[in-house]
All heavy atoms as atom14 arrays in JSON, in Angstrom:
{
  "sequence": "VVIGNPPYIRWKNLNKGLKIELDTNILWKNNFNRLCDYLYIF",
  "atom14_mask": [
    [1, 1, 1, 1, 1, 1, 1, 0, 0, 0, 0, 0, 0, 0],
    [1, 1, 1, 1, 1, 1, 1, 0, 0, 0, 0, 0, 0, 0],
    [1, 1, 1, 1, 1, 1, 1, 1, 0, 0, 0, 0, 0, 0],
    [1, 1, 1, 1, 0, 0, 0, 0, 0, 0, 0, 0, 0, 0],
    [1, 1, 1, 1, 1, 1, 1, 1, 0, 0, 0, 0, 0, 0],
    [1, 1, 1, 1, 1, 1, 1, 0, 0, 0, 0, 0, 0, 0],
    [1, 1, 1, 1, 1, 1, 1, 0, 0, 0, 0, 0, 0, 0],
    [1, 1, 1, 1, 1, 1, 1, 1, 1, 1, 1, 1, 0, 0],
    [1, 1, 1, 1, 1, 1, 1, 1, 0, 0, 0, 0, 0, 0],
    [1, 1, 1, 1, 1, 1, 1, 1, 1, 1, 1, 0, 0, 0],
    [1, 1, 1, 1, 1, 1, 1, 1, 1, 1, 1, 1, 1, 1],
    [1, 1, 1, 1, 1, 1, 1, 1, 1, 0, 0, 0, 0, 0],
    [1, 1, 1, 1, 1, 1, 1, 1, 0, 0, 0, 0, 0, 0],
    [1, 1, 1, 1, 1, 1, 1, 1, 0, 0, 0, 0, 0, 0],
    [1, 1, 1, 1, 1, 1, 1, 1, 0, 0, 0, 0, 0, 0],
    [1, 1, 1, 1, 1, 1, 1, 1, 1, 0, 0, 0, 0, 0],
    [1, 1, 1, 1, 0, 0, 0, 0, 0, 0, 0, 0, 0, 0],
    [1, 1, 1, 1, 1, 1, 1, 1, 0, 0, 0, 0, 0, 0],
    [1, 1, 1, 1, 1, 1, 1, 1, 1, 0, 0, 0, 0, 0],
    [1, 1, 1, 1, 1, 1, 1, 1, 0, 0, 0, 0, 0, 0],
    [1, 1, 1, 1, 1, 1, 1, 1, 1, 0, 0, 0, 0, 0],
    [1, 1, 1, 1, 1, 1, 1, 1, 0, 0, 0, 0, 0, 0],
    [1, 1, 1, 1, 1, 1, 1, 1, 0, 0, 0, 0, 0, 0],
    [1, 1, 1, 1, 1, 1, 1, 0, 0, 0, 0, 0, 0, 0],
    [1, 1, 1, 1, 1, 1, 1, 1, 0, 0, 0, 0, 0, 0],
    [1, 1, 1, 1, 1, 1, 1, 1, 0, 0, 0, 0, 0, 0],
    [1, 1, 1, 1, 1, 1, 1, 1, 0, 0, 0, 0, 0, 0],
    [1, 1, 1, 1, 1, 1, 1, 1, 1, 1, 1, 1, 1, 1],
    [1, 1, 1, 1, 1, 1, 1, 1, 1, 0, 0, 0, 0, 0],
    [1, 1, 1, 1, 1, 1, 1, 1, 0, 0, 0, 0, 0, 0],
    [1, 1, 1, 1, 1, 1, 1, 1, 0, 0, 0, 0, 0, 0],
    [1, 1, 1, 1, 1, 1, 1, 1, 1, 1, 1, 0, 0, 0],
    [1, 1, 1, 1, 1, 1, 1, 1, 0, 0, 0, 0, 0, 0],
    [1, 1, 1, 1, 1, 1, 1, 1, 1, 1, 1, 0, 0, 0],
    [1, 1, 1, 1, 1, 1, 1, 1, 0, 0, 0, 0, 0, 0],
    [1, 1, 1, 1, 1, 1, 0, 0, 0, 0, 0, 0, 0, 0],
    [1, 1, 1, 1, 1, 1, 1, 1, 0, 0, 0, 0, 0, 0],
    [1, 1, 1, 1, 1, 1, 1, 1, 1, 1, 1, 1, 0, 0],
    [1, 1, 1, 1, 1, 1, 1, 1, 0, 0, 0, 0, 0, 0],
    [1, 1, 1, 1, 1, 1, 1, 1, 1, 1, 1, 1, 0, 0],
    [1, 1, 1, 1, 1, 1, 1, 1, 0, 0, 0, 0, 0, 0],
    [1, 1, 1, 1, 1, 1, 1, 1, 1, 1, 1, 0, 0, 0]
  ],
  "atom14_positions": [
    [[0.85, -1.19, 0.0], [0.0, 0.0, 0.0], [0.88, 1.24, 0.0], [1.88, 1.3, 0.72], [-0.92, 0.04, 1.25], [-1.7, 1.33, 1.3], [-1.86, -1.15, 1.28], [0.0, 0.0, 0.0], [0.0, 0.0, 0.0], [0.0, 0.0, 0.0], [0.0, 0.0, 0.0], [0.0, 0.0, 0.0], [0.0, 0.0, 0.0], [0.0, 0.0, 0.0]],
    [[0.51, 2.21, -0.81], [1.09, 3.56, -0.74], [-0.09, 4.48, -0.44], [-1.13, 4.42, -1.11], [1.79, 3.98, -2.04], [2.37, 5.39, -1.89], [2.88, 2.99, -2.43], [0.0, 0.0, 0.0], [0.0, 0.0, 0.0], [0.0, 0.0, 0.0], [0.0, 0.0, 0.0], [0.0, 0.0, 0.0], [0.0, 0.0, 0.0], [0.0, 0.0, 0.0]],
    [[0.07, 5.3, 0.58], [-1.04, 6.14, 1.02], [-0.52, 7.55, 1.28], [0.63, 7.73, 1.65], [-1.69, 5.56, 2.3], [-2.98, 6.29, 2.65], [-0.71, 5.51, 3.47], [-3.81, 5.59, 3.7], [0.0, 0.0, 0.0], [0.0, 0.0, 0.0], [0.0, 0.0, 0.0], [0.0, 0.0, 0.0], [0.0, 0.0, 0.0], [0.0, 0.0, 0.0]],
    [[-1.37, 8.56, 1.08], [-0.95, 9.89, 1.45], [-1.63, 11.02, 0.72], [-2.59, 10.84, -0.02], [0.0, 0.0, 0.0], [0.0, 0.0, 0.0], [0.0, 0.0, 0.0], [0.0, 0.0, 0.0], [0.0, 0.0, 0.0], [0.0, 0.0, 0.0], [0.0, 0.0, 0.0], [0.0, 0.0, 0.0], [0.0, 0.0, 0.0], [0.0, 0.0, 0.0]],
    [[-1.09, 12.18, 0.97], [-1.51, 13.44, 0.37], [-0.24, 14.08, -0.19], [0.39, 14.9, 0.46], [-2.16, 14.33, 1.44], [-2.46, 15.72, 0.94], [-2.68, 15.93, -0.23], [-2.45, 16.67, 1.86], [0.0, 0.0, 0.0], [0.0, 0.0, 0.0], [0.0, 0.0, 0.0], [0.0, 0.0, 0.0], [0.0, 0.0, 0.0], [0.0, 0.0, 0.0]],
    [[0.16, 13.67, -1.4], [1.42, 14.17, -1.96], [1.34, 15.66, -2.29], [0.26, 16.21, -2.48], [1.6, 13.34, -3.23], [0.23, 12.91, -3.6], [-0.54, 12.78, -2.32], [0.0, 0.0, 0.0], [0.0, 0.0, 0.0], [0.0, 0.0, 0.0], [0.0, 0.0, 0.0], [0.0, 0.0, 0.0], [0.0, 0.0, 0.0], [0.0, 0.0, 0.0]],
    [[2.5, 16.3, -2.37], [2.51, 17.72, -2.71], [2.05, 17.96, -4.15], [2.31, 17.16, -5.04], [3.98, 18.13, -2.54], [4.75, 16.87, -2.61], [3.84, 15.76, -2.17], [0.0, 0.0, 0.0], [0.0, 0.0, 0.0], [0.0, 0.0, 0.0], [0.0, 0.0, 0.0], [0.0, 0.0, 0.0], [0.0, 0.0, 0.0], [0.0, 0.0, 0.0]],
    [[1.37, 19.04, -4.35], [0.93, 19.45, -5.68], [1.39, 20.88, -5.87], [0.92, 21.81, -5.26], [-0.59, 19.3, -5.87], [-1.4, 19.45, -4.61], [-1.95, 20.67, -4.24], [-1.61, 18.36, -3.77], [-2.67, 20.81, -3.08], [-2.34, 18.48, -2.6], [-2.87, 19.71, -2.26], [-3.59, 19.84, -1.11], [0.0, 0.0, 0.0], [0.0, 0.0, 0.0]],
    [[2.42, 20.99, -6.72], [3.07, 22.28, -6.95], [3.35, 22.41, -8.45], [3.95, 21.51, -9.04], [4.4, 22.39, -6.18], [4.22, 22.05, -4.69], [5.01, 23.78, -6.34], [5.52, 21.85, -3.94], [0.0, 0.0, 0.0], [0.0, 0.0, 0.0], [0.0, 0.0, 0.0], [0.0, 0.0, 0.0], [0.0, 0.0, 0.0], [0.0, 0.0, 0.0]],
    [[2.95, 23.49, -9.03], [3.27, 23.73, -10.45], [4.78, 23.94, -10.59], [5.43, 24.47, -9.7], [2.52, 24.95, -10.95], [1.05, 24.7, -11.07], [0.37, 25.89, -11.7], [-1.03, 25.58, -11.84], [-1.99, 26.47, -11.83], [-1.69, 27.75, -11.72], [-3.24, 26.11, -11.96], [0.0, 0.0, 0.0], [0.0, 0.0, 0.0], [0.0, 0.0, 0.0]],
    [[5.29, 23.55, -11.74], [6.73, 23.67, -12.01], [7.23, 25.08, -11.68], [8.25, 25.23, -11.02], [7.03, 23.32, -13.46], [8.48, 23.52, -13.81], [9.06, 24.66, -14.27], [9.52, 22.57, -13.66], [10.4, 24.48, -14.43], [10.71, 23.19, -14.06], [9.56, 21.25, -13.23], [11.94, 22.54, -14.05], [10.78, 20.59, -13.23], [11.95, 21.23, -13.63]],
    [[6.53, 26.1, -12.14], [6.99, 27.48, -11.97], [7.1, 27.86, -10.49], [7.83, 28.79, -10.15], [6.09, 28.46, -12.71], [4.7, 28.59, -12.14], [3.88, 29.58, -12.92], [2.51, 29.76, -12.27], [1.72, 30.77, -12.9], [0.0, 0.0, 0.0], [0.0, 0.0, 0.0], [0.0, 0.0, 0.0], [0.0, 0.0, 0.0], [0.0, 0.0, 0.0]],
    [[6.41, 27.14, -9.6], [6.44, 27.45, -8.18], [7.4, 26.57, -7.38], [7.53, 26.75, -6.16], [5.03, 27.34, -7.58], [4.09, 28.36, -8.19], [4.49, 29.46, -8.55], [2.84, 27.99, -8.34], [0.0, 0.0, 0.0], [0.0, 0.0, 0.0], [0.0, 0.0, 0.0], [0.0, 0.0, 0.0], [0.0, 0.0, 0.0], [0.0, 0.0, 0.0]],
    [[8.06, 25.62, -8.03], [9.02, 24.77, -7.34], [10.29, 25.55, -7.04], [10.71, 26.39, -7.84], [9.39, 23.56, -8.21], [8.33, 22.48, -8.39], [8.8, 21.46, -9.43], [8.01, 21.8, -7.08], [0.0, 0.0, 0.0], [0.0, 0.0, 0.0], [0.0, 0.0, 0.0], [0.0, 0.0, 0.0], [0.0, 0.0, 0.0], [0.0, 0.0, 0.0]],
    [[10.95, 25.22, -5.93], [12.23, 25.86, -5.66], [13.3, 25.26, -6.57], [13.11, 24.2, -7.18], [12.59, 25.79, -4.17], [12.92, 24.39, -3.7], [13.58, 23.61, -4.39], [12.46, 24.04, -2.51], [0.0, 0.0, 0.0], [0.0, 0.0, 0.0], [0.0, 0.0, 0.0], [0.0, 0.0, 0.0], [0.0, 0.0, 0.0], [0.0, 0.0, 0.0]],
    [[14.41, 25.93, -6.66], [15.48, 25.55, -7.59], [15.97, 24.12, -7.33], [16.2, 23.35, -8.27], [16.64, 26.53, -7.48], [17.76, 26.29, -8.47], [18.85, 27.33, -8.33], [19.97, 27.04, -9.3], [21.05, 28.02, -9.2], [0.0, 0.0, 0.0], [0.0, 0.0, 0.0], [0.0, 0.0, 0.0], [0.0, 0.0, 0.0], [0.0, 0.0, 0.0]],
    [[16.09, 23.73, -6.07], [16.57, 22.39, -5.73], [15.65, 21.29, -6.24], [16.11, 20.27, -6.75], [0.0, 0.0, 0.0], [0.0, 0.0, 0.0], [0.0, 0.0, 0.0], [0.0, 0.0, 0.0], [0.0, 0.0, 0.0], [0.0, 0.0, 0.0], [0.0, 0.0, 0.0], [0.0, 0.0, 0.0], [0.0, 0.0, 0.0], [0.0, 0.0, 0.0]],
    [[14.34, 21.5, -6.11], [13.39, 20.5, -6.6], [13.39, 20.43, -8.13], [13.27, 19.35, -8.71], [11.98, 20.8, -6.09], [11.77, 20.66, -4.58], [10.34, 21.03, -4.2], [12.12, 19.27, -4.09], [0.0, 0.0, 0.0], [0.0, 0.0, 0.0], [0.0, 0.0, 0.0], [0.0, 0.0, 0.0], [0.0, 0.0, 0.0], [0.0, 0.0, 0.0]],
    [[13.55, 21.58, -8.79], [13.63, 21.57, -10.25], [14.85, 20.79, -10.73], [14.76, 20.0, -11.68], [13.68, 23.0, -10.79], [12.37, 23.73, -10.68], [12.48, 25.16, -11.2], [11.14, 25.88, -11.1], [11.23, 27.27, -11.57], [0.0, 0.0, 0.0], [0.0, 0.0, 0.0], [0.0, 0.0, 0.0], [0.0, 0.0, 0.0], [0.0, 0.0, 0.0]],
    [[15.98, 20.98, -10.05], [17.2, 20.24, -10.42], [17.0, 18.75, -10.19], [17.38, 17.92, -11.02], [18.41, 20.78, -9.62], [18.76, 22.19, -10.08], [19.62, 19.84, -9.73], [19.75, 22.93, -9.2], [0.0, 0.0, 0.0], [0.0, 0.0, 0.0], [0.0, 0.0, 0.0], [0.0, 0.0, 0.0], [0.0, 0.0, 0.0], [0.0, 0.0, 0.0]],
    [[16.37, 18.41, -9.06], [16.1, 17.0, -8.77], [15.24, 16.36, -9.87], [15.52, 15.25, -10.32], [15.41, 16.87, -7.41], [15.09, 15.45, -7.03], [14.39, 15.32, -5.7], [13.58, 16.21, -5.35], [14.65, 14.33, -5.0], [0.0, 0.0, 0.0], [0.0, 0.0, 0.0], [0.0, 0.0, 0.0], [0.0, 0.0, 0.0], [0.0, 0.0, 0.0]],
    [[14.22, 17.04, -10.3], [13.35, 16.51, -11.35], [14.08, 16.43, -12.69], [13.93, 15.45, -13.43], [12.08, 17.34, -11.49], [11.1, 17.24, -10.32], [9.91, 18.15, -10.56], [10.65, 15.82, -10.07], [0.0, 0.0, 0.0], [0.0, 0.0, 0.0], [0.0, 0.0, 0.0], [0.0, 0.0, 0.0], [0.0, 0.0, 0.0], [0.0, 0.0, 0.0]],
    [[14.87, 17.45, -13.01], [15.61, 17.46, -14.27], [16.58, 16.29, -14.38], [16.96, 15.9, -15.49], [16.36, 18.78, -14.45], [15.5, 19.88, -15.03], [14.47, 19.56, -15.66], [15.86, 21.06, -14.86], [0.0, 0.0, 0.0], [0.0, 0.0, 0.0], [0.0, 0.0, 0.0], [0.0, 0.0, 0.0], [0.0, 0.0, 0.0], [0.0, 0.0, 0.0]],
    [[17.0, 15.74, -13.25], [17.95, 14.62, -13.26], [17.28, 13.28, -12.96], [17.95, 12.27, -12.88], [19.09, 14.87, -12.24], [18.52, 15.01, -10.94], [19.89, 16.1, -12.6], [0.0, 0.0, 0.0], [0.0, 0.0, 0.0], [0.0, 0.0, 0.0], [0.0, 0.0, 0.0], [0.0, 0.0, 0.0], [0.0, 0.0, 0.0], [0.0, 0.0, 0.0]],
    [[15.97, 13.28, -12.81], [15.23, 12.06, -12.48], [14.73, 11.39, -13.76], [14.0, 12.01, -14.54], [14.06, 12.4, -11.54], [13.28, 11.19, -11.13], [12.51, 10.65, -11.9], [13.5, 10.76, -9.9], [0.0, 0.0, 0.0], [0.0, 0.0, 0.0], [0.0, 0.0, 0.0], [0.0, 0.0, 0.0], [0.0, 0.0, 0.0], [0.0, 0.0, 0.0]],
    [[15.09, 10.13, -13.95], [14.76, 9.43, -15.2], [13.25, 9.25, -15.38], [12.74, 9.37, -16.5], [15.52, 8.08, -15.31], [15.48, 7.55, -16.73], [15.0, 7.06, -14.33], [16.38, 8.28, -17.67], [0.0, 0.0, 0.0], [0.0, 0.0, 0.0], [0.0, 0.0, 0.0], [0.0, 0.0, 0.0], [0.0, 0.0, 0.0], [0.0, 0.0, 0.0]],
    [[12.52, 8.97, -14.32], [11.06, 8.84, -14.43], [10.43, 10.15, -14.91], [9.55, 10.14, -15.76], [10.43, 8.45, -13.09], [10.31, 6.98, -12.76], [9.7, 6.8, -11.36], [9.51, 6.23, -13.78], [0.0, 0.0, 0.0], [0.0, 0.0, 0.0], [0.0, 0.0, 0.0], [0.0, 0.0, 0.0], [0.0, 0.0, 0.0], [0.0, 0.0, 0.0]],
    [[10.88, 11.24, -14.33], [10.36, 12.55, -14.73], [10.71, 12.83, -16.19], [9.86, 13.19, -16.99], [10.9, 13.65, -13.82], [10.42, 15.02, -14.21], [11.04, 15.9, -15.06], [9.21, 15.66, -13.79], [10.3, 17.04, -15.2], [9.17, 16.92, -14.43], [8.17, 15.3, -12.95], [8.12, 17.82, -14.24], [7.13, 16.19, -12.76], [7.11, 17.44, -13.4]],
    [[11.99, 12.67, -16.51], [12.46, 13.0, -17.87], [11.77, 12.17, -18.94], [11.52, 12.66, -20.04], [13.97, 12.83, -17.95], [14.71, 13.94, -17.23], [16.21, 13.79, -17.11], [16.95, 13.09, -18.16], [18.4, 13.11, -18.0], [0.0, 0.0, 0.0], [0.0, 0.0, 0.0], [0.0, 0.0, 0.0], [0.0, 0.0, 0.0], [0.0, 0.0, 0.0]],
    [[11.44, 10.92, -18.63], [10.82, 10.04, -19.62], [9.31, 10.23, -19.76], [8.72, 9.75, -20.72], [11.1, 8.57, -19.3], [12.53, 8.19, -19.59], [13.25, 8.88, -20.3], [12.96, 7.09, -19.01], [0.0, 0.0, 0.0], [0.0, 0.0, 0.0], [0.0, 0.0, 0.0], [0.0, 0.0, 0.0], [0.0, 0.0, 0.0], [0.0, 0.0, 0.0]],
    [[8.69, 10.9, -18.79], [7.23, 10.95, -18.79], [6.61, 12.34, -18.69], [5.44, 12.5, -19.02], [6.68, 10.11, -17.63], [7.02, 8.65, -17.79], [6.44, 7.97, -18.62], [7.99, 8.17, -17.02], [0.0, 0.0, 0.0], [0.0, 0.0, 0.0], [0.0, 0.0, 0.0], [0.0, 0.0, 0.0], [0.0, 0.0, 0.0], [0.0, 0.0, 0.0]],
    [[7.37, 13.3, -18.22], [6.78, 14.61, -17.94], [7.64, 15.74, -18.49], [8.73, 15.52, -18.98], [6.58, 14.79, -16.43], [5.82, 13.66, -15.79], [6.38, 12.9, -14.79], [4.53, 13.35, -16.2], [5.68, 11.85, -14.2], [3.82, 12.32, -15.62], [4.4, 11.56, -14.61], [0.0, 0.0, 0.0], [0.0, 0.0, 0.0], [0.0, 0.0, 0.0]],
    [[7.11, 16.96, -18.38], [7.85, 18.14, -18.81], [7.59, 19.27, -17.81], [6.92, 19.08, -16.81], [7.46, 18.53, -20.24], [5.99, 18.87, -20.35], [5.42, 19.6, -19.53], [5.34, 18.35, -21.39], [0.0, 0.0, 0.0], [0.0, 0.0, 0.0], [0.0, 0.0, 0.0], [0.0, 0.0, 0.0], [0.0, 0.0, 0.0], [0.0, 0.0, 0.0]],
    [[8.09, 20.43, -18.13], [8.01, 21.56, -17.22], [6.62, 22.2, -17.15], [6.43, 23.17, -16.44], [9.07, 22.6, -17.57], [10.45, 22.07, -17.29], [11.5, 23.04, -17.65], [12.8, 22.48, -17.28], [13.89, 23.19, -17.17], [13.85, 24.48, -17.42], [15.01, 22.61, -16.84], [0.0, 0.0, 0.0], [0.0, 0.0, 0.0], [0.0, 0.0, 0.0]],
    [[5.68, 21.66, -17.85], [4.3, 22.1, -17.73], [3.51, 21.2, -16.78], [2.34, 21.43, -16.52], [3.63, 22.14, -19.11], [4.25, 23.12, -20.09], [3.62, 22.95, -21.47], [4.1, 24.54, -19.61], [0.0, 0.0, 0.0], [0.0, 0.0, 0.0], [0.0, 0.0, 0.0], [0.0, 0.0, 0.0], [0.0, 0.0, 0.0], [0.0, 0.0, 0.0]],
    [[4.18, 20.17, -16.29], [3.53, 19.2, -15.41], [3.69, 19.6, -13.95], [4.54, 20.39, -13.59], [4.13, 17.81, -15.65], [3.8, 17.19, -17.31], [0.0, 0.0, 0.0], [0.0, 0.0, 0.0], [0.0, 0.0, 0.0], [0.0, 0.0, 0.0], [0.0, 0.0, 0.0], [0.0, 0.0, 0.0], [0.0, 0.0, 0.0], [0.0, 0.0, 0.0]],
    [[2.88, 19.0, -13.13], [2.85, 19.28, -11.7], [3.74, 18.3, -10.94], [3.87, 17.14, -11.33], [1.39, 19.15, -11.21], [1.17, 19.75, -9.86], [1.59, 19.14, -8.86], [0.56, 20.83, -9.79], [0.0, 0.0, 0.0], [0.0, 0.0, 0.0], [0.0, 0.0, 0.0], [0.0, 0.0, 0.0], [0.0, 0.0, 0.0], [0.0, 0.0, 0.0]],
    [[4.33, 18.75, -9.86], [5.16, 17.92, -8.98], [4.41, 16.67, -8.52], [4.99, 15.61, -8.32], [5.58, 18.78, -7.79], [6.67, 18.25, -6.91], [7.83, 17.69, -7.43], [6.56, 18.37, -5.53], [8.84, 17.25, -6.6], [7.57, 17.93, -4.69], [8.71, 17.37, -5.22], [9.7, 16.92, -4.39], [0.0, 0.0, 0.0], [0.0, 0.0, 0.0]],
    [[3.12, 16.78, -8.37], [2.26, 15.67, -7.96], [2.44, 14.45, -8.84], [2.42, 13.31, -8.37], [0.8, 16.15, -8.02], [-0.31, 15.12, -7.98], [-0.35, 14.41, -6.64], [-1.63, 15.79, -8.27], [0.0, 0.0, 0.0], [0.0, 0.0, 0.0], [0.0, 0.0, 0.0], [0.0, 0.0, 0.0], [0.0, 0.0, 0.0], [0.0, 0.0, 0.0]],
    [[2.64, 14.64, -10.13], [2.67, 13.54, -11.09], [3.77, 12.53, -10.79], [3.57, 11.33, -10.92], [2.83, 14.05, -12.52], [1.78, 15.01, -12.99], [1.89, 15.64, -14.22], [0.66, 15.32, -12.21], [0.93, 16.53, -14.67], [-0.3, 16.21, -12.65], [-0.16, 16.81, -13.87], [-1.12, 17.7, -14.31], [0.0, 0.0, 0.0], [0.0, 0.0, 0.0]],
    [[4.94, 13.01, -10.4], [6.05, 12.1, -10.12], [5.76, 11.27, -8.87], [6.15, 10.11, -8.77], [7.4, 12.85, -10.02], [8.58, 11.88, -9.98], [7.45, 13.77, -8.82], [8.87, 11.21, -11.28], [0.0, 0.0, 0.0], [0.0, 0.0, 0.0], [0.0, 0.0, 0.0], [0.0, 0.0, 0.0], [0.0, 0.0, 0.0], [0.0, 0.0, 0.0]],
    [[5.03, 11.83, -7.92], [4.66, 11.07, -6.71], [3.71, 9.94, -7.08], [3.86, 8.82, -6.58], [4.02, 12.0, -5.67], [5.03, 12.73, -4.85], [5.63, 13.88, -5.34], [5.39, 12.28, -3.59], [6.58, 14.56, -4.6], [6.34, 12.95, -2.83], [6.94, 14.1, -3.34], [0.0, 0.0, 0.0], [0.0, 0.0, 0.0], [0.0, 0.0, 0.0]]
  ]
}
């Protein structure tokens, strides 16, 4: 089971560290772009 209330933040509102983390994450890079929400990777 995975349960929770994950964060939902638009790309433009993410801090620089989170943007860098996503830019280097293979799941993000293969499935999403900078118009997507942080929620999607969760």
